[in-house]
């Protein structure tokens, strides 16, 4: 194995797997797996998560590259959106001819 690939499976990086189904428009998180590199992660994801041929696209992202907001800071993080009422146009009245919006 090359230097950039770790030899012990317990040390392999963790990858998050996202799959887009045949009738879906977005990728959904399907699970996680360990792999030495992107190519191995894609092949393993295909074998593990699309065995029934339900996927048309797979994304793999090394877990260390995913960053998330902190739940304990939700109030201050999401609060600025409350003063932008135009983002949620609930105050508009729809014309009678409009069935779905």
C-alpha atoms as a PDB file:
ATOM      1  CA  UNK A   1       0.000   0.000   0.000  1.00  0.00           C
ATOM      2  CA  UNK A   2       1.170   3.514  -0.705  1.00  0.00           C
ATOM      3  CA  UNK A   3       2.019   5.950   2.057  1.00  0.00           C
ATOM      4  CA  UNK A   4      -1.249   7.875   1.719  1.00  0.00           C
ATOM      5  CA  UNK A   5      -3.333   4.731   2.149  1.00  0.00           C
ATOM      6  CA  UNK A   6      -3.531   3.404   5.684  1.00  0.00           C
ATOM      7  CA  UNK A   7      -2.980  -0.298   6.159  1.00  0.00           C
ATOM      8  CA  UNK A   8      -5.186  -0.898   9.211  1.00  0.00           C
ATOM      9  CA  UNK A   9      -8.916  -0.820   8.377  1.00  0.00           C
ATOM     10  CA  UNK A  10      -9.658   0.713  11.792  1.00  0.00           C
ATOM     11  CA  UNK A  11      -7.638   3.742  10.675  1.00  0.00           C
ATOM     12  CA  UNK A  12      -9.312   4.161   7.286  1.00  0.00           C
ATOM     13  CA  UNK A  13     -11.191   7.449   6.952  1.00  0.00           C
ATOM     14  CA  UNK A  14     -14.935   7.515   7.470  1.00  0.00           C
ATOM     15  CA  UNK A  15     -17.028   8.551   4.441  1.00  0.00           C
ATOM     16  CA  UNK A  16     -20.648   9.707   4.311  1.00  0.00           C
ATOM     17  CA  UNK A  17     -22.697   8.316   1.425  1.00  0.00           C
ATOM     18  CA  UNK A  18     -25.441  10.202  -0.419  1.00  0.00           C
ATOM     19  CA  UNK A  19     -27.546   8.492  -3.111  1.00  0.00           C
ATOM     20  CA  UNK A  20     -30.037   9.896  -5.607  1.00  0.00           C
ATOM     21  CA  UNK A  21     -32.764   7.421  -6.444  1.00  0.00           C
ATOM     22  CA  UNK A  22     -34.242   6.888  -9.897  1.00  0.00           C
ATOM     23  CA  UNK A  23     -37.380   8.837  -9.067  1.00  0.00           C
ATOM     24  CA  UNK A  24     -35.765  11.436  -6.792  1.00  0.00           C
ATOM     25  CA  UNK A  25     -34.404  14.877  -7.473  1.00  0.00           C
ATOM     26  CA  UNK A  26     -32.065  15.132  -4.505  1.00  0.00           C
ATOM     27  CA  UNK A  27     -29.332  13.047  -2.924  1.00  0.00           C
ATOM     28  CA  UNK A  28     -30.241  11.566   0.476  1.00  0.00           C
ATOM     29  CA  UNK A  29     -27.857  10.403   3.179  1.00  0.00           C
ATOM     30  CA  UNK A  30     -27.806   6.618   3.102  1.00  0.00           C
ATOM     31  CA  UNK A  31     -25.087   5.875   5.633  1.00  0.00           C
ATOM     32  CA  UNK A  32     -21.371   5.760   6.318  1.00  0.00           C
ATOM     33  CA  UNK A  33     -18.481   3.504   5.467  1.00  0.00           C
ATOM     34  CA  UNK A  34     -14.712   3.268   5.834  1.00  0.00           C
ATOM     35  CA  UNK A  35     -12.458   3.380   2.758  1.00  0.00           C
ATOM     36  CA  UNK A  36      -8.872   4.250   1.931  1.00  0.00           C
ATOM     37  CA  UNK A  37      -9.692   6.750  -0.822  1.00  0.00           C
ATOM     38  CA  UNK A  38     -12.463   8.247  -2.974  1.00  0.00           C
ATOM     39  CA  UNK A  39     -12.447   5.464  -5.552  1.00  0.00           C
ATOM     40  CA  UNK A  40     -12.777   2.753  -2.914  1.00  0.00           C
ATOM     41  CA  UNK A  41     -15.503   4.751  -1.124  1.00  0.00           C
ATOM     42  CA  UNK A  42     -17.535   5.083  -4.345  1.00  0.00           C
ATOM     43  CA  UNK A  43     -17.214   1.388  -5.195  1.00  0.00           C
ATOM     44  CA  UNK A  44     -18.060   0.276  -1.663  1.00  0.00           C
ATOM     45  CA  UNK A  45     -21.011   2.683  -1.539  1.00  0.00           C
ATOM     46  CA  UNK A  46     -22.305   1.280  -4.819  1.00  0.00           C
ATOM     47  CA  UNK A  47     -21.985  -2.296  -3.527  1.00  0.00           C
ATOM     48  CA  UNK A  48     -23.496  -1.622  -0.108  1.00  0.00           C
ATOM     49  CA  UNK A  49     -26.182   0.992  -0.749  1.00  0.00           C
ATOM     50  CA  UNK A  50     -27.397   0.336  -4.312  1.00  0.00           C
ATOM     51  CA  UNK A  51     -27.595  -3.457  -4.453  1.00  0.00           C
ATOM     52  CA  UNK A  52     -31.168  -3.335  -5.741  1.00  0.00           C
ATOM     53  CA  UNK A  53     -30.267  -0.910  -8.539  1.00  0.00           C
ATOM     54  CA  UNK A  54     -32.221   1.911  -6.896  1.00  0.00           C
ATOM     55  CA  UNK A  55     -29.607   4.623  -7.361  1.00  0.00           C
ATOM     56  CA  UNK A  56     -28.603   6.762 -10.329  1.00  0.00           C
ATOM     57  CA  UNK A  57     -25.944   8.894  -8.615  1.00  0.00           C
ATOM     58  CA  UNK A  58     -23.681   8.519  -5.582  1.00  0.00           C
ATOM     59  CA  UNK A  59     -21.768  11.176  -3.672  1.00  0.00           C
ATOM     60  CA  UNK A  60     -19.167  10.318  -1.060  1.00  0.00           C
ATOM     61  CA  UNK A  61     -17.740  12.914   1.302  1.00  0.00           C
ATOM     62  CA  UNK A  62     -15.010  12.274   3.804  1.00  0.00           C
ATOM     63  CA  UNK A  63     -16.665  12.859   7.185  1.00  0.00           C
ATOM     64  CA  UNK A  64     -13.917  15.178   8.386  1.00  0.00           C
ATOM     65  CA  UNK A  65     -14.920  17.625   5.619  1.00  0.00           C
ATOM     66  CA  UNK A  66     -18.506  18.024   6.850  1.00  0.00           C
ATOM     67  CA  UNK A  67     -19.130  20.948   9.171  1.00  0.00           C
ATOM     68  CA  UNK A  68     -22.404  21.583  10.958  1.00  0.00           C
ATOM     69  CA  UNK A  69     -24.025  24.263  13.058  1.00  0.00           C
ATOM     70  CA  UNK A  70     -24.010  23.688  16.814  1.00  0.00           C
ATOM     71  CA  UNK A  71     -27.427  22.864  18.316  1.00  0.00           C
ATOM     72  CA  UNK A  72     -26.678  24.871  21.472  1.00  0.00           C
ATOM     73  CA  UNK A  73     -26.231  27.986  19.299  1.00  0.00           C
ATOM     74  CA  UNK A  74     -29.414  27.553  17.207  1.00  0.00           C
ATOM     75  CA  UNK A  75     -31.083  30.683  18.575  1.00  0.00           C
ATOM     76  CA  UNK A  76     -28.315  33.078  17.610  1.00  0.00           C
ATOM     77  CA  UNK A  77     -27.435  31.218  14.409  1.00  0.00           C
ATOM     78  CA  UNK A  78     -30.947  31.133  12.939  1.00  0.00           C
ATOM     79  CA  UNK A  79     -32.389  34.257  14.567  1.00  0.00           C
ATOM     80  CA  UNK A  80     -31.300  36.706  11.835  1.00  0.00           C
ATOM     81  CA  UNK A  81     -33.781  35.109   9.407  1.00  0.00           C
ATOM     82  CA  UNK A  82     -36.752  36.158  11.544  1.00  0.00           C
ATOM     83  CA  UNK A  83     -36.450  39.803  10.505  1.00  0.00           C
ATOM     84  CA  UNK A  84     -36.549  38.971   6.796  1.00  0.00           C
ATOM     85  CA  UNK A  85     -40.260  38.434   6.293  1.00  0.00           C
ATOM     86  CA  UNK A  86     -39.880  38.512   2.528  1.00  0.00           C
ATOM     87  CA  UNK A  87     -38.273  35.067   2.674  1.00  0.00           C
ATOM     88  CA  UNK A  88     -41.558  33.566   3.807  1.00  0.00           C
ATOM     89  CA  UNK A  89     -44.279  35.377   1.867  1.00  0.00           C
ATOM     90  CA  UNK A  90     -47.123  34.290   4.116  1.00  0.00           C
ATOM     91  CA  UNK A  91     -48.679  37.769   3.982  1.00  0.00           C
ATOM     92  CA  UNK A  92     -49.468  37.571   0.247  1.00  0.00           C
ATOM     93  CA  UNK A  93     -52.936  36.678  -0.886  1.00  0.00           C
ATOM     94  CA  UNK A  94     -53.112  34.269  -3.793  1.00  0.00           C
ATOM     95  CA  UNK A  95     -55.501  34.948  -6.660  1.00  0.00           C
ATOM     96  CA  UNK A  96     -58.484  32.607  -6.873  1.00  0.00           C
ATOM     97  CA  UNK A  97     -57.154  30.979 -10.049  1.00  0.00           C
ATOM     98  CA  UNK A  98     -53.968  29.755  -8.350  1.00  0.00           C
ATOM     99  CA  UNK A  99     -54.517  26.242  -7.005  1.00  0.00           C
ATOM    100  CA  UNK A 100     -51.017  25.342  -5.823  1.00  0.00           C
ATOM    101  CA  UNK A 101     -48.037  27.452  -4.892  1.00  0.00           C
END
